[in-house]
Amino acid sequence: MPRPHPRVAGSSVCIPWRVGAAAGSARRRRCCSSCARSSSCRPLARDAGGEVTVCSAAQHDRIVAVLSALPLAFASALALAGAETVDGNLAALSGPGFADSTRLALTAPDLGSAMLVANAPNVRAALERARAILDELDRAIAAGDGAALNAILERAAQARRRLS
């Protein structure tokens, strides 16, 4: 199976794949690297509209588990839940939010499974954390606790605003 991210001498290197106006976003993609030659990577990343942030391989793997593998897992789970719930034409009944949220389920299965398995301990920890948050939501919904739901959703909105 192919590795989702290249390794250089045991260090992680993230290649910026979504940068600048070419990707329809003014936000710059950050590239994580603990490559000893990161000074040679910086000009390449800048030329591509990104920036290099140095981190350890362990930090990289934890970050990638949350920012790449977890969205793939959630998109896949949501696509399957939708398909299993809707009897008939899922596309006719779903809106852009569902389509946007499930886009990553279109990832090539061999690449997706390689990404999930290659970083399994960190992916499993990310899934455990997400599961705890889903359980928190479930408990608040079951209790009809609007205040708790509002607090969770506000925390999520604040986290999302930090992306902008």
Protein backbone atom coordinates (compact mmCIF):
# COMPACT_ATOMS: atom_id res chain seq x y z
CA MET A 1 0.00 0.00 0.00
CA PRO A 2 1.29 3.52 -0.72
CA ARG A 3 2.29 5.75 2.17
CA PRO A 4 0.10 8.86 2.39
CA HIS A 5 2.96 11.14 3.48
CA PRO A 6 6.60 10.77 2.48
CA ARG A 7 9.23 10.12 5.13
CA VAL A 8 12.73 11.54 4.91
CA ALA A 9 15.34 9.87 7.13
CA GLY A 10 12.69 9.02 9.72
CA SER A 11 11.27 12.54 9.73
CA SER A 12 7.85 13.55 8.52
CA VAL A 13 7.37 15.92 5.63
CA CYS A 14 3.97 17.35 4.70
CA ILE A 15 3.70 18.63 1.15
CA PRO A 16 1.36 21.64 0.77
CA TRP A 17 -1.43 20.42 -1.52
CA ARG A 18 -3.95 23.22 -1.24
CA VAL A 19 -2.47 26.65 -1.57
CA GLY A 20 -3.53 30.13 -2.58
CA ALA A 21 -5.90 31.20 -5.31
CA ALA A 22 -5.18 28.12 -7.42
CA ALA A 23 -7.14 26.08 -4.89
CA GLY A 24 -9.88 28.69 -4.51
CA SER A 25 -8.72 29.80 -1.09
CA ALA A 26 -6.77 32.82 0.06
CA ARG A 27 -5.72 30.90 3.18
CA ARG A 28 -2.17 29.56 3.09
CA ARG A 29 -1.61 25.85 3.61
CA ARG A 30 0.93 25.06 6.29
CA CYS A 31 3.55 22.41 5.72
CA CYS A 32 4.94 20.48 8.70
CA SER A 33 8.46 19.18 8.54
CA SER A 34 11.17 18.02 10.87
CA CYS A 35 13.47 17.47 7.93
CA ALA A 36 17.02 18.49 8.85
CA ARG A 37 17.16 20.35 5.55
CA SER A 38 13.95 22.31 6.17
CA SER A 39 15.75 25.47 5.07
CA SER A 40 15.78 24.01 1.55
CA CYS A 41 12.07 23.17 1.84
CA ARG A 42 11.03 26.67 2.88
CA PRO A 43 11.57 28.40 -0.50
CA LEU A 44 9.67 25.62 -2.28
CA ALA A 45 6.77 25.89 0.16
CA ARG A 46 6.72 29.70 -0.11
CA ASP A 47 6.78 29.51 -3.92
CA ALA A 48 3.75 27.21 -3.72
CA GLY A 49 1.96 29.69 -1.43
CA GLY A 50 2.54 27.74 1.78
CA GLU A 51 4.77 27.98 4.78
CA VAL A 52 6.88 25.45 6.67
CA THR A 53 6.36 24.72 10.34
CA VAL A 54 8.96 22.49 11.96
CA CYS A 55 7.67 19.74 14.24
CA SER A 56 8.72 16.29 15.39
CA ALA A 57 7.58 13.18 13.56
CA ALA A 58 5.42 12.26 16.58
CA GLN A 59 3.71 15.69 16.55
CA HIS A 60 3.19 15.39 12.80
CA ASP A 61 1.55 11.99 13.15
CA ARG A 62 -0.82 13.22 15.90
CA ILE A 63 -1.76 16.27 13.82
CA VAL A 64 -2.26 14.28 10.61
CA ALA A 65 -4.49 11.81 12.48
CA VAL A 66 -6.86 14.62 13.45
CA LEU A 67 -6.61 16.81 10.35
CA SER A 68 -6.52 14.15 7.61
CA ALA A 69 -7.48 10.69 8.86
CA LEU A 70 -10.35 11.72 11.15
CA PRO A 71 -12.13 13.75 8.42
CA LEU A 72 -11.79 10.73 6.10
CA ALA A 73 -13.24 8.43 8.75
CA PHE A 74 -16.12 10.82 9.52
CA ALA A 75 -16.90 11.43 5.84
CA SER A 76 -16.97 7.68 5.24
CA ALA A 77 -19.17 7.00 8.27
CA LEU A 78 -21.57 9.80 7.33
CA ALA A 79 -21.82 8.62 3.71
CA LEU A 80 -22.56 5.07 4.88
CA ALA A 81 -25.07 6.22 7.52
CA GLY A 82 -26.86 8.32 4.91
CA ALA A 83 -26.94 5.51 2.37
CA GLU A 84 -28.20 3.04 4.99
CA THR A 85 -30.88 5.44 6.28
CA VAL A 86 -32.26 6.82 3.03
CA ASP A 87 -34.27 4.35 1.00
CA GLY A 88 -33.92 5.58 -2.54
CA ASN A 89 -32.06 8.45 -4.10
CA LEU A 90 -29.71 9.92 -1.51
CA ALA A 91 -28.66 12.70 -3.90
CA ALA A 92 -32.26 13.88 -4.39
CA LEU A 93 -32.87 14.15 -0.64
CA SER A 94 -29.56 15.52 0.61
CA GLY A 95 -28.32 19.06 0.42
CA PRO A 96 -24.94 20.71 -0.02
CA GLY A 97 -23.99 20.23 3.65
CA PHE A 98 -24.20 16.45 3.31
CA ALA A 99 -22.34 16.53 -0.01
CA ASP A 100 -19.60 18.78 1.40
CA SER A 101 -19.30 16.70 4.56
CA THR A 102 -18.95 13.42 2.66
CA ARG A 103 -16.59 14.54 -0.13
CA LEU A 104 -13.60 12.77 1.43
CA ALA A 105 -15.45 9.45 1.25
CA LEU A 106 -14.49 9.57 -2.44
CA THR A 107 -10.81 9.11 -1.49
CA ALA A 108 -9.25 6.12 -3.25
CA PRO A 109 -9.78 3.18 -0.87
CA ASP A 110 -6.15 2.01 -1.06
CA LEU A 111 -4.87 5.49 -0.18
CA GLY A 112 -7.44 5.91 2.60
CA SER A 113 -6.75 2.56 4.19
CA ALA A 114 -2.99 3.16 3.96
CA MET A 115 -3.42 6.51 5.70
CA LEU A 116 -5.54 5.00 8.47
CA VAL A 117 -3.35 1.94 9.08
CA ALA A 118 0.05 3.64 8.76
CA ASN A 119 -0.80 5.95 11.66
CA ALA A 120 -3.12 3.58 13.54
CA PRO A 121 -2.27 4.50 17.17
CA ASN A 122 -2.81 8.21 16.53
CA VAL A 123 -5.89 7.64 14.36
CA ARG A 124 -7.41 5.44 17.08
CA ALA A 125 -6.70 8.12 19.71
CA ALA A 126 -8.34 10.75 17.47
CA LEU A 127 -11.36 8.49 16.97
CA GLU A 128 -11.58 7.95 20.74
CA ARG A 129 -11.58 11.71 21.36
CA ALA A 130 -14.22 12.29 18.68
CA ARG A 131 -16.29 9.43 20.10
CA ALA A 132 -16.18 11.10 23.54
CA ILE A 133 -17.48 14.34 22.02
CA LEU A 134 -20.24 12.45 20.17
CA ASP A 135 -21.16 10.73 23.45
CA GLU A 136 -21.34 14.15 25.13
CA LEU A 137 -23.70 15.32 22.37
CA ASP A 138 -25.76 12.14 22.68
CA ARG A 139 -26.16 12.55 26.44
CA ALA A 140 -27.26 16.17 26.04
CA ILE A 141 -29.75 15.24 23.31
CA ALA A 142 -31.14 12.33 25.35
CA ALA A 143 -31.56 14.61 28.37
CA GLY A 144 -33.14 17.36 26.28
CA ASP A 145 -30.45 19.63 27.73
CA GLY A 146 -30.49 22.64 25.42
CA ALA A 147 -27.97 24.53 27.54
CA ALA A 148 -25.44 21.68 27.31
CA LEU A 149 -26.05 21.38 23.55
CA ASN A 150 -25.60 25.12 23.11
CA ALA A 151 -22.33 24.97 25.05
CA ILE A 152 -20.99 22.10 22.93
CA LEU A 153 -22.06 23.73 19.67
CA GLU A 154 -20.57 27.07 20.75
CA ARG A 155 -17.24 25.37 21.57
CA ALA A 156 -17.34 23.79 18.12
CA ALA A 157 -18.13 27.11 16.45
CA GLN A 158 -15.26 28.79 18.29
CA ALA A 159 -12.89 26.03 17.18
CA ARG A 160 -14.07 26.37 13.57
CA ARG A 161 -13.67 30.17 13.62
CA ARG A 162 -9.99 29.69 14.38
CA LEU A 163 -9.60 28.24 10.88
CA SER A 164 -10.52 31.55 9.27
